[in-house]
Amino acid sequence: MNTAEKIYNEIVAMPVSEREKLFAIIARKGFEKDYYKYEEVFEDIPQTFTIKEAAEYLEVAEITVRRWTKEGKLPFSVVGKNYVYSVENLRRRKQLSKPRKEQTLSQER
């Protein structure tokens, strides 16, 4: 998969609220100079999600995220009194949760 396709797939996998933030950042910064590094564009995107954001991203109920956390199926960190989930771990979990047919179709592309 080339870089453009990879970035597109990452954007599509984001929750709508994060996509809105991303496009707002791109619009705001997009006309400052001719070339941007990947890190410059994506630096404002959070690297962790709360339970609520994780549930939204994974398209499951918050109680499911809590259950997966308790069962050790979803790695987390604790910040203060809150559980947070890395975007990378959520992406992996989302891939595992895809129906078999959808996984096969995406692998064929």
Protein backbone atom coordinates (compact mmCIF):
# COMPACT_ATOMS: atom_id res chain seq x y z
CA MET A 1 0.00 0.00 0.00
CA ASN A 2 1.43 3.37 -0.92
CA THR A 3 1.69 6.22 1.57
CA ALA A 4 -1.32 8.16 0.26
CA GLU A 5 -3.57 5.10 0.61
CA LYS A 6 -2.24 4.44 4.10
CA ILE A 7 -2.91 8.02 5.19
CA TYR A 8 -6.36 7.94 3.62
CA ASN A 9 -7.22 4.72 5.47
CA GLU A 10 -5.97 6.21 8.75
CA ILE A 11 -8.16 9.27 8.22
CA VAL A 12 -11.23 7.18 7.37
CA ALA A 13 -10.67 5.10 10.52
CA MET A 14 -10.71 8.20 12.75
CA PRO A 15 -13.83 9.17 14.65
CA VAL A 16 -15.71 11.97 12.87
CA SER A 17 -14.81 14.48 15.60
CA GLU A 18 -11.10 13.78 15.07
CA ARG A 19 -11.46 14.11 11.29
CA GLU A 20 -13.10 17.50 11.82
CA LYS A 21 -10.15 18.60 13.97
CA LEU A 22 -7.68 17.29 11.39
CA PHE A 23 -9.30 19.14 8.50
CA ALA A 24 -9.56 22.32 10.56
CA ILE A 25 -5.83 22.09 11.28
CA ILE A 26 -5.05 21.44 7.61
CA ALA A 27 -7.22 24.38 6.55
CA ARG A 28 -5.61 26.67 9.13
CA LYS A 29 -2.02 25.62 8.39
CA GLY A 30 -2.47 24.67 4.77
CA PHE A 31 -1.58 28.02 3.28
CA GLU A 32 1.41 28.98 5.41
CA LYS A 33 4.04 27.24 3.27
CA ASP A 34 4.45 24.88 0.31
CA TYR A 35 5.71 21.76 2.07
CA TYR A 36 4.78 20.14 5.39
CA LYS A 37 6.31 17.18 7.17
CA TYR A 38 3.96 14.40 8.31
CA GLU A 39 4.60 15.31 11.97
CA GLU A 40 3.66 18.95 11.36
CA VAL A 41 0.26 18.00 9.98
CA PHE A 42 -0.59 15.31 12.53
CA GLU A 43 1.02 16.75 15.70
CA ASP A 44 -2.31 18.04 17.05
CA ILE A 45 -4.09 14.69 16.74
CA PRO A 46 -4.29 13.00 20.15
CA GLN A 47 -2.29 9.82 20.67
CA THR A 48 -4.68 8.51 23.32
CA PHE A 49 -8.45 8.29 23.68
CA THR A 50 -10.70 8.24 26.73
CA ILE A 51 -13.11 5.34 27.30
CA LYS A 52 -15.88 7.30 25.61
CA GLU A 53 -13.70 8.18 22.59
CA ALA A 54 -12.40 4.60 22.37
CA ALA A 55 -15.95 3.25 22.34
CA GLU A 56 -16.91 5.72 19.62
CA TYR A 57 -13.85 4.81 17.55
CA LEU A 58 -14.42 1.06 17.94
CA GLU A 59 -18.16 1.48 17.36
CA VAL A 60 -19.07 -0.39 20.53
CA ALA A 61 -20.72 0.55 23.82
CA GLU A 62 -18.59 2.04 26.61
CA ILE A 63 -19.41 -1.00 28.76
CA THR A 64 -17.77 -3.19 26.09
CA VAL A 65 -14.56 -1.14 26.28
CA ARG A 66 -14.66 -1.44 30.07
CA ARG A 67 -15.18 -5.22 29.82
CA TRP A 68 -12.34 -5.65 27.32
CA THR A 69 -10.12 -3.58 29.61
CA LYS A 70 -11.00 -5.71 32.64
CA GLU A 71 -10.45 -8.93 30.66
CA GLY A 72 -7.04 -7.70 29.45
CA LYS A 73 -8.15 -7.64 25.81
CA LEU A 74 -7.53 -3.91 25.40
CA PRO A 75 -4.25 -2.41 26.68
CA PHE A 76 -4.58 0.87 28.56
CA SER A 77 -2.69 3.41 30.62
CA VAL A 78 -3.85 5.35 33.65
CA VAL A 79 -3.63 9.14 33.66
CA GLY A 80 -4.73 10.47 37.02
CA LYS A 81 -7.86 8.42 37.71
CA ASN A 82 -8.72 7.92 34.05
CA TYR A 83 -8.05 5.05 31.69
CA VAL A 84 -6.65 6.06 28.31
CA TYR A 85 -6.11 3.95 25.22
CA SER A 86 -3.42 4.39 22.59
CA VAL A 87 -4.61 5.01 19.06
CA GLU A 88 -2.33 2.21 17.81
CA ASN A 89 -3.88 -0.36 20.17
CA LEU A 90 -7.36 0.77 19.16
CA ARG A 91 -6.48 0.41 15.47
CA ARG A 92 -5.27 -3.14 16.11
CA ARG A 93 -8.42 -3.98 18.06
CA LYS A 94 -10.60 -2.53 15.31
CA GLN A 95 -8.84 -4.75 12.76
CA LEU A 96 -9.54 -7.78 14.96
CA SER A 97 -13.20 -6.78 15.29
CA LYS A 98 -13.82 -6.50 11.54
CA PRO A 99 -16.05 -9.21 10.11
CA ARG A 100 -14.10 -11.88 8.17
CA LYS A 101 -15.62 -10.87 4.82
CA GLU A 102 -14.58 -7.22 5.28
CA GLN A 103 -11.03 -8.29 6.26
CA THR A 104 -10.75 -10.44 3.13
CA LEU A 105 -11.97 -7.62 0.88
CA SER A 106 -9.52 -5.10 2.36
CA GLN A 107 -6.62 -7.55 1.95
CA GLU A 108 -7.47 -8.10 -1.71
CA ARG A 109 -7.14 -4.39 -2.53
